[in-house]
Amino acid sequence: MIHPKHIRIEDYTYPLPEERIAKYPLPQRDQSKLLIYKSGQIEEQRFTALPHFIDKGELLVFNNTRVIQARMFFRKETGALIEIFCLEPFAPHDYSLNFAQTNSVEWLCLIGNAKKWKEGTLSATITKGEEIFTLCIERVGQTETAHKIRFTWDNEQITFGEILQIFGELPIPPYLNRDTEEKDKQTYQTVYSKIEGSVAAPTAGLHFTEDTLQALRDKGVDIGEVTLHVGAGTFKPVKSEEIGEHEMHIEYISVSKNFIDKLIAHGGKATAVGTTSVRTLESLYHIGAYLHTHTDTQEEELCVPQWVAYEEHHQLSTIDALQAIIDYLTRHELHALHLGTQIIIAPGYEFRIVQKIITNFHQPQSTLLLLVSAFLNGDWKRIYDYALQHDFRFLSYGDSSLLIP
């Protein structure tokens, strides 16, 4: 079998007409279409039918991240408009600590119209109720993929999290080809979103309503939550011919000790809502396998490398890997595991935890399409052909599928 690094991305494309991309969600989230793929058979349902296909006692895992208003605009004295897109916190590096700061933070950002702002400080006047204060930004460094921006402001009663809420704009996906609208603040968040930090929504979750969640609970489905803050790299196209030359962005995960105990109680098996939950759950196996043999590792060193799943063929059982995480948390008196992940899931990947996936329809030549192909042993084209022929809506605000190999 071909090594995943040598997979050609051109083999993972399909025709996606512009009119098939859903620009807006349906008025009622759970009235979207649901494609059911089970053991090679395909059928079509409404999303409200999902509880009929999830078994009593099954563990259904959601990503409870919340999208932040990460895009800001500053105007130079020359009139040039500069866009700042906050990717991830740099100092403090912890999301919650960063959001709580009251005078200065640093973030890794993308800069729109960067050639018009090479140096100096930019400022904007912000109003909160009757209070008026000034927010200033300056460039203080650069990485290969982002600029380091320092934000300072002159009101210690205001946190950076509040500044994002007041002054920031919700960053909807670029392929929607439209401006953010006020209603996106509600429709581009899952109903169970809690932990702020993402710059893109975990879109499979956008179909769930409180009624759907209650129907699942009434059936006896066990629900668990993890956090993976989705980065802008989720929209990064694969530009190399072979995926071995494509670098996955690091995304940050937080998983409670209680959740890992719950996962162990379910035999280390789960159904994932969205590809972000898939990547979180599968990363747990690989970080557990690492901790099993590296018991003295410090938390700040924890990260799942991009190709680890194909280079280190662990014989460790899933339960033993999860128990290694519990042992690590116990030794360090921690209530949650925090780590980064660069994991890429492509054909040839061995799934350790995820048994079913709920997911939307993804862009051609994307790493998310590779993940779907890996899960279905290559049988992704039939699904996408069916969806195109039966008027399914595609991408973030589109319809969804339940995949059961």
Protein backbone atom coordinates (compact mmCIF):
# COMPACT_ATOMS: atom_id res chain seq x y z
CA MET A 1 0.00 0.00 0.00
CA ILE A 2 1.20 3.50 -0.84
CA HIS A 3 2.60 5.48 2.10
CA PRO A 4 0.21 8.31 3.01
CA LYS A 5 2.94 10.89 2.34
CA HIS A 6 2.82 9.90 -1.34
CA ILE A 7 -0.95 10.28 -1.74
CA ARG A 8 -1.67 12.66 -4.63
CA ILE A 9 -4.21 15.28 -3.69
CA GLU A 10 -5.53 15.40 -7.26
CA ASP A 11 -7.10 12.00 -6.58
CA TYR A 12 -9.35 13.65 -3.97
CA THR A 13 -11.26 16.12 -6.05
CA TYR A 14 -14.80 16.41 -7.38
CA PRO A 15 -16.80 19.10 -9.22
CA LEU A 16 -18.36 21.54 -6.75
CA PRO A 17 -20.47 24.18 -8.50
CA GLU A 18 -20.72 27.51 -6.68
CA GLU A 19 -24.49 27.15 -6.38
CA ARG A 20 -24.07 23.96 -4.30
CA ILE A 21 -22.21 25.84 -1.55
CA ALA A 22 -24.73 26.83 1.14
CA LYS A 23 -24.32 30.58 1.72
CA TYR A 24 -26.74 30.55 4.65
CA PRO A 25 -28.09 27.85 6.99
CA LEU A 26 -31.67 26.64 6.87
CA PRO A 27 -34.10 28.55 9.14
CA GLN A 28 -34.45 25.41 11.28
CA ARG A 29 -31.07 23.74 11.92
CA ASP A 30 -32.32 20.17 12.28
CA GLN A 31 -34.35 20.22 9.05
CA SER A 32 -31.15 19.81 7.04
CA LYS A 33 -30.61 16.65 5.01
CA LEU A 34 -28.73 13.73 6.55
CA LEU A 35 -27.03 11.17 4.35
CA ILE A 36 -26.69 7.80 6.07
CA TYR A 37 -23.80 5.61 4.91
CA LYS A 38 -23.87 2.21 6.62
CA SER A 39 -21.78 -0.75 5.49
CA GLY A 40 -21.70 0.57 1.93
CA GLN A 41 -25.45 1.34 1.71
CA ILE A 42 -26.66 4.94 1.28
CA GLU A 43 -30.00 6.43 2.29
CA GLU A 44 -31.35 9.93 2.82
CA GLN A 45 -33.05 11.27 5.95
CA ARG A 46 -33.69 14.54 7.77
CA PHE A 47 -31.30 15.40 10.58
CA THR A 48 -34.15 14.97 13.07
CA ALA A 49 -33.90 11.22 12.35
CA LEU A 50 -30.36 11.02 13.76
CA PRO A 51 -31.40 9.50 17.15
CA HIS A 52 -32.76 6.44 15.28
CA PHE A 53 -29.21 5.65 14.08
CA ILE A 54 -27.36 6.17 17.38
CA ASP A 55 -27.61 3.23 19.77
CA LYS A 56 -28.66 3.36 23.40
CA GLY A 57 -25.54 3.44 25.57
CA GLU A 58 -23.36 4.78 22.75
CA LEU A 59 -20.94 7.62 23.59
CA LEU A 60 -21.53 10.65 21.36
CA VAL A 61 -18.70 13.19 21.52
CA PHE A 62 -19.08 16.91 20.80
CA ASN A 63 -16.48 19.66 20.43
CA ASN A 64 -17.72 22.43 22.73
CA THR A 65 -15.44 25.16 21.37
CA ARG A 66 -16.95 28.57 20.66
CA VAL A 67 -16.00 30.82 17.74
CA ILE A 68 -14.46 34.14 18.76
CA GLN A 69 -14.89 37.43 16.90
CA ALA A 70 -11.33 37.16 15.70
CA ARG A 71 -11.28 39.69 12.84
CA MET A 72 -10.54 43.37 13.51
CA PHE A 73 -10.11 46.37 11.22
CA PHE A 74 -7.85 49.38 11.79
CA ARG A 75 -7.52 52.41 9.55
CA LYS A 76 -4.22 54.19 8.99
CA GLU A 77 -4.03 57.99 8.81
CA THR A 78 -3.53 57.52 5.06
CA GLY A 79 -6.94 55.88 4.88
CA ALA A 80 -5.60 52.37 4.23
CA LEU A 81 -7.69 49.66 5.91
CA ILE A 82 -5.66 47.00 7.77
CA GLU A 83 -7.28 43.70 8.74
CA ILE A 84 -6.03 41.76 11.77
CA PHE A 85 -7.10 38.12 12.04
CA CYS A 86 -6.29 36.62 15.46
CA LEU A 87 -5.15 33.01 15.06
CA GLU A 88 -3.96 31.94 18.50
CA PRO A 89 -2.77 33.57 21.74
CA PHE A 90 0.98 33.98 22.21
CA ALA A 91 1.31 35.74 25.58
CA PRO A 92 -0.27 34.57 27.73
CA HIS A 93 -0.42 31.38 25.66
CA ASP A 94 -3.40 29.97 27.57
CA TYR A 95 -6.69 31.06 25.98
CA SER A 96 -8.60 31.76 29.20
CA LEU A 97 -5.70 33.68 30.75
CA ASN A 98 -5.25 35.72 27.57
CA PHE A 99 -8.94 36.61 27.37
CA ALA A 100 -8.82 37.76 31.02
CA GLN A 101 -5.94 40.26 30.55
CA THR A 102 -6.77 43.91 31.18
CA ASN A 103 -4.04 45.97 29.51
CA SER A 104 -1.86 43.99 27.08
CA VAL A 105 -1.74 40.69 25.17
CA GLU A 106 0.13 39.22 22.22
CA TRP A 107 -1.39 37.07 19.46
CA LEU A 108 -0.21 35.34 16.33
CA CYS A 109 -2.22 36.96 13.55
CA LEU A 110 -2.70 37.21 9.84
CA ILE A 111 -2.55 40.74 8.42
CA GLY A 112 -4.71 41.81 5.51
CA ASN A 113 -3.20 44.60 3.37
CA ALA A 114 0.10 44.04 5.22
CA LYS A 115 2.15 45.86 2.59
CA LYS A 116 0.45 49.10 3.71
CA TRP A 117 1.51 48.60 7.34
CA LYS A 118 5.22 47.83 7.71
CA GLU A 119 5.83 49.51 11.08
CA GLY A 120 4.45 51.88 13.69
CA THR A 121 1.38 51.72 15.89
CA LEU A 122 -2.23 51.65 14.75
CA SER A 123 -5.11 52.60 17.01
CA ALA A 124 -8.88 52.50 17.14
CA THR A 125 -11.39 54.15 19.44
CA ILE A 126 -13.79 51.72 21.10
CA THR A 127 -17.00 52.50 22.94
CA LYS A 128 -18.51 50.31 25.65
CA GLY A 129 -21.66 51.85 27.05
CA GLU A 130 -20.62 55.32 28.17
CA GLU A 131 -16.93 54.41 28.29
CA ILE A 132 -14.54 55.31 25.48
CA PHE A 133 -11.03 53.84 25.27
CA THR A 134 -8.24 53.35 22.76
CA LEU A 135 -6.94 50.01 21.44
CA CYS A 136 -3.44 50.06 19.94
CA ILE A 137 -1.58 47.40 17.95
CA GLU A 138 2.05 47.00 16.92
CA ARG A 139 4.01 44.32 15.09
CA VAL A 140 6.57 42.75 17.44
CA GLY A 141 7.70 39.63 15.59
CA GLN A 142 6.97 37.07 12.90
CA THR A 143 6.89 33.32 12.36
CA GLU A 144 6.87 31.46 9.04
CA THR A 145 3.10 31.66 8.84
CA ALA A 146 1.94 34.55 11.05
CA HIS A 147 2.77 37.94 12.55
CA LYS A 148 3.10 38.51 16.28
CA ILE A 149 0.90 41.44 17.26
CA ARG A 150 0.85 43.19 20.62
CA PHE A 151 -2.49 44.68 21.68
CA THR A 152 -2.56 47.37 24.38
CA TRP A 153 -5.48 49.42 25.67
CA ASP A 154 -6.00 52.17 28.23
CA ASN A 155 -8.90 50.85 30.27
CA GLU A 156 -8.09 48.24 32.94
CA GLN A 157 -11.78 47.55 33.48
CA ILE A 158 -11.97 45.93 30.04
CA THR A 159 -10.64 42.42 29.31
CA PHE A 160 -9.28 41.33 25.95
CA GLY A 161 -12.17 38.90 25.68
CA GLU A 162 -14.58 41.83 25.96
CA ILE A 163 -12.61 43.75 23.32
CA LEU A 164 -13.10 40.89 20.88
CA GLN A 165 -16.82 40.89 21.62
CA ILE A 166 -17.13 44.66 21.17
CA PHE A 167 -14.69 45.38 18.36
CA GLY A 168 -14.12 42.05 16.63
CA GLU A 169 -16.05 40.52 13.74
CA LEU A 170 -17.05 36.87 13.48
CA PRO A 171 -14.89 35.26 10.77
CA ILE A 172 -17.18 33.23 8.53
CA PRO A 173 -15.47 30.93 5.99
CA PRO A 174 -13.90 32.67 2.96
CA TYR A 175 -15.65 30.35 0.49
CA LEU A 176 -19.03 31.83 1.42
CA ASN A 177 -17.95 34.91 -0.58
CA ARG A 178 -20.01 37.31 1.51
CA ASP A 179 -19.62 39.63 4.46
CA THR A 180 -20.41 38.54 8.00
CA GLU A 181 -23.96 39.40 8.98
CA GLU A 182 -25.42 39.96 12.43
CA LYS A 183 -27.34 36.66 12.38
CA ASP A 184 -24.09 34.73 11.80
CA LYS A 185 -23.27 35.43 15.45
CA GLN A 186 -25.96 32.89 16.33
CA THR A 187 -26.11 30.59 13.32
CA TYR A 188 -22.32 30.07 13.12
CA GLN A 189 -22.20 28.77 16.71
CA THR A 190 -23.30 25.34 17.90
CA VAL A 191 -26.06 25.36 20.51
CA TYR A 192 -23.66 23.65 22.94
CA SER A 193 -20.64 25.93 22.38
CA LYS A 194 -18.99 26.96 25.65
CA ILE A 195 -15.23 27.46 25.52
CA GLU A 196 -14.07 30.45 23.46
CA GLY A 197 -11.07 30.03 21.19
CA SER A 198 -11.96 28.89 17.65
CA VAL A 199 -11.74 30.98 14.51
CA ALA A 200 -14.00 28.55 12.65
CA ALA A 201 -17.01 26.56 13.82
CA PRO A 202 -17.01 22.75 14.19
CA THR A 203 -19.71 22.74 11.54
CA ALA A 204 -21.13 19.21 11.91
CA GLY A 205 -22.51 20.44 15.21
CA LEU A 206 -24.46 23.27 13.60
CA HIS A 207 -27.31 20.84 12.81
CA PHE A 208 -28.05 20.03 16.46
CA THR A 209 -30.91 21.70 18.30
CA GLU A 210 -31.92 21.38 21.94
CA ASP A 211 -34.74 19.10 20.77
CA THR A 212 -32.30 16.78 18.96
CA LEU A 213 -30.01 16.65 21.97
CA GLN A 214 -32.93 15.86 24.26
CA ALA A 215 -34.13 13.09 21.93
CA LEU A 216 -30.66 11.53 22.12
CA ARG A 217 -30.63 11.75 25.91
CA ASP A 218 -34.14 10.28 26.12
CA LYS A 219 -32.94 7.31 24.08
CA GLY A 220 -30.11 6.70 26.54
CA VAL A 221 -27.22 7.99 24.43
CA ASP A 222 -24.30 9.08 26.61
CA ILE A 223 -22.95 12.52 25.70
CA GLY A 224 -19.38 13.68 26.22
CA GLU A 225 -17.56 16.92 25.45
CA VAL A 226 -14.01 17.73 24.39
CA THR A 227 -12.47 21.02 23.31
CA LEU A 228 -10.43 21.58 20.17
CA HIS A 229 -9.99 25.19 19.11
CA VAL A 230 -10.31 25.22 15.34
CA GLY A 231 -7.61 27.26 13.60
CA ALA A 232 -7.68 29.12 10.29
CA GLY A 233 -5.58 26.28 8.87
CA THR A 234 -8.78 24.28 8.55
CA PHE A 235 -9.37 26.29 5.34
CA LYS A 236 -5.77 25.93 4.15
CA PRO A 237 -5.81 24.19 0.76
CA VAL A 238 -3.37 21.41 -0.03
CA LYS A 239 -1.15 23.08 -2.63
CA SER A 240 1.50 20.36 -2.94
CA GLU A 241 1.05 17.47 -5.37
CA GLU A 242 1.69 14.93 -2.61
CA ILE A 243 0.33 15.42 0.89
CA GLY A 244 3.72 14.64 2.42
CA GLU A 245 4.67 18.22 1.60
CA HIS A 246 1.58 19.70 3.26
CA GLU A 247 2.11 20.97 6.81
CA MET A 248 -0.83 20.63 9.16
CA HIS A 249 -1.44 23.54 11.53
CA ILE A 250 -1.27 22.90 15.27
CA GLU A 251 -4.62 23.00 17.04
CA TYR A 252 -5.07 23.05 20.80
CA ILE A 253 -7.00 20.45 22.74
CA SER A 254 -8.38 20.29 26.26
CA VAL A 255 -9.93 17.07 27.56
CA SER A 256 -11.07 16.55 31.15
CA LYS A 257 -9.99 13.61 33.26
CA ASN A 258 -13.68 12.81 33.79
CA PHE A 259 -14.19 12.52 30.04
CA ILE A 260 -11.28 10.10 29.67
CA ASP A 261 -12.72 8.00 32.50
CA LYS A 262 -16.04 8.00 30.62
CA LEU A 263 -14.30 6.98 27.39
CA ILE A 264 -12.60 4.08 29.18
CA ALA A 265 -15.99 3.03 30.59
CA HIS A 266 -17.23 2.84 26.99
CA GLY A 267 -14.41 0.50 26.03
CA GLY A 268 -12.43 3.29 24.37
CA LYS A 269 -15.04 3.62 21.58
CA ALA A 270 -17.08 6.66 20.55
CA THR A 271 -19.09 8.35 17.83
CA ALA A 272 -17.57 11.69 16.84
CA VAL A 273 -19.56 14.78 15.93
CA GLY A 274 -17.35 16.47 13.35
CA THR A 275 -13.80 16.02 12.12
CA THR A 276 -12.45 18.14 14.99
CA SER A 277 -13.84 15.62 17.48
CA VAL A 278 -12.33 12.82 15.36
CA ARG A 279 -8.90 14.45 15.47
CA THR A 280 -9.22 15.07 19.21
CA LEU A 281 -10.23 11.50 20.04
CA GLU A 282 -7.62 9.88 17.82
CA SER A 283 -4.94 12.22 19.21
CA LEU A 284 -5.76 10.88 22.67
CA TYR A 285 -4.62 7.41 21.64
CA HIS A 286 -1.30 8.66 20.29
CA ILE A 287 -0.52 10.95 23.22
CA GLY A 288 -1.45 8.09 25.57
CA ALA A 289 0.92 5.74 23.75
CA TYR A 290 3.64 8.37 24.09
CA LEU A 291 2.98 8.91 27.81
CA HIS A 292 3.05 5.15 28.35
CA THR A 293 6.78 5.16 27.60
CA HIS A 294 7.66 8.80 28.47
CA THR A 295 6.37 9.08 32.01
CA ASP A 296 8.47 12.15 32.89
CA THR A 297 7.04 14.39 30.13
CA GLN A 298 5.95 17.91 31.09
CA GLU A 299 2.60 19.24 29.89
CA GLU A 300 4.08 22.03 27.78
CA GLU A 301 5.89 19.36 25.72
CA LEU A 302 2.74 17.47 24.77
CA CYS A 303 1.97 17.55 21.05
CA VAL A 304 0.93 14.90 18.54
CA PRO A 305 3.20 15.17 15.46
CA GLN A 306 1.66 15.14 11.99
CA TRP A 307 2.90 11.72 10.84
CA VAL A 308 3.25 9.84 14.13
CA ALA A 309 0.37 7.45 13.34
CA TYR A 310 2.23 6.11 10.29
CA GLU A 311 5.75 6.07 11.70
CA GLU A 312 5.23 4.48 15.12
CA HIS A 313 3.10 1.35 14.98
CA HIS A 314 2.06 0.97 18.60
CA GLN A 315 0.76 -2.39 19.78
CA LEU A 316 -0.67 -0.74 22.90
CA SER A 317 -4.40 -1.24 23.37
CA THR A 318 -6.67 1.80 23.35
CA ILE A 319 -7.62 1.24 26.98
CA ASP A 320 -3.98 1.08 28.05
CA ALA A 321 -3.23 4.28 26.14
CA LEU A 322 -6.14 6.08 27.81
CA GLN A 323 -5.09 4.69 31.21
CA ALA A 324 -1.60 6.14 30.63
CA ILE A 325 -3.23 9.57 30.32
CA ILE A 326 -5.16 9.03 33.56
CA ASP A 327 -1.95 7.96 35.32
CA TYR A 328 -0.14 11.04 33.98
CA LEU A 329 -2.90 13.40 35.15
CA THR A 330 -2.98 11.73 38.55
CA ARG A 331 0.81 12.04 38.99
CA HIS A 332 0.70 15.73 38.13
CA GLU A 333 -2.54 16.40 40.05
CA LEU A 334 -4.24 17.73 36.90
CA HIS A 335 -7.96 17.70 36.16
CA ALA A 336 -7.58 18.03 32.39
CA LEU A 337 -5.14 17.20 29.61
CA HIS A 338 -3.93 20.09 27.45
CA LEU A 339 -1.97 19.44 24.28
CA GLY A 340 -1.42 20.43 20.69
CA THR A 341 -2.09 18.20 17.72
CA GLN A 342 -0.89 18.22 14.14
CA ILE A 343 -2.31 14.79 13.38
CA ILE A 344 -3.22 14.15 9.75
CA ILE A 345 -5.73 11.38 9.12
CA ALA A 346 -5.39 10.03 5.59
CA PRO A 347 -5.94 6.71 3.82
CA GLY A 348 -3.82 4.12 5.60
CA TYR A 349 -4.69 5.47 9.06
CA GLU A 350 -5.80 2.94 11.70
CA PHE A 351 -8.70 4.32 13.73
CA ARG A 352 -8.37 3.50 17.43
CA ILE A 353 -11.37 5.17 19.06
CA VAL A 354 -13.87 6.56 16.52
CA GLN A 355 -16.52 4.12 15.24
CA LYS A 356 -19.01 6.49 13.60
CA ILE A 357 -18.66 10.05 12.30
CA ILE A 358 -21.22 12.80 11.80
CA THR A 359 -19.75 15.28 9.34
CA ASN A 360 -20.60 17.81 6.64
CA PHE A 361 -19.54 17.69 2.98
CA HIS A 362 -16.03 19.05 2.57
CA GLN A 363 -14.07 20.97 -0.03
CA PRO A 364 -12.35 19.14 -2.89
CA GLN A 365 -8.65 18.42 -2.35
CA SER A 366 -8.87 19.06 1.42
CA THR A 367 -7.37 17.16 4.33
CA LEU A 368 -10.92 16.69 5.64
CA LEU A 369 -11.80 14.75 2.51
CA LEU A 370 -8.71 12.59 3.14
CA LEU A 371 -10.05 11.88 6.64
CA VAL A 372 -13.43 10.77 5.26
CA SER A 373 -11.73 8.53 2.71
CA ALA A 374 -9.56 6.99 5.42
CA PHE A 375 -12.62 6.22 7.54
CA LEU A 376 -14.54 4.63 4.66
CA ASN A 377 -11.64 2.66 3.17
CA GLY A 378 -11.65 4.86 0.10
CA ASP A 379 -15.40 4.77 -0.61
CA TRP A 380 -15.93 8.54 -0.46
CA LYS A 381 -16.74 9.20 -4.14
CA ARG A 382 -20.07 7.35 -4.06
CA ILE A 383 -21.19 9.49 -1.14
CA TYR A 384 -20.24 12.74 -2.82
CA ASP A 385 -21.75 11.66 -6.15
CA TYR A 386 -25.00 10.81 -4.34
CA ALA A 387 -25.01 14.15 -2.51
CA LEU A 388 -24.41 16.09 -5.72
CA GLN A 389 -27.15 14.18 -7.57
CA HIS A 390 -29.70 14.57 -4.75
CA ASP A 391 -29.45 18.30 -4.08
CA PHE A 392 -27.46 18.18 -0.85
CA ARG A 393 -26.00 21.50 0.29
CA PHE A 394 -22.23 21.62 0.77
CA LEU A 395 -19.62 23.01 3.20
CA SER A 396 -20.07 24.85 6.52
CA TYR A 397 -23.75 25.81 6.30
CA GLY A 398 -24.66 22.76 4.23
CA ASP A 399 -26.12 19.33 4.97
CA SER A 400 -24.45 16.46 6.80
CA SER A 401 -23.77 12.73 6.79
CA LEU A 402 -23.58 9.90 9.31
CA LEU A 403 -20.78 7.54 8.33
CA ILE A 404 -20.80 3.97 9.63
CA PRO A 405 -18.18 1.74 7.91
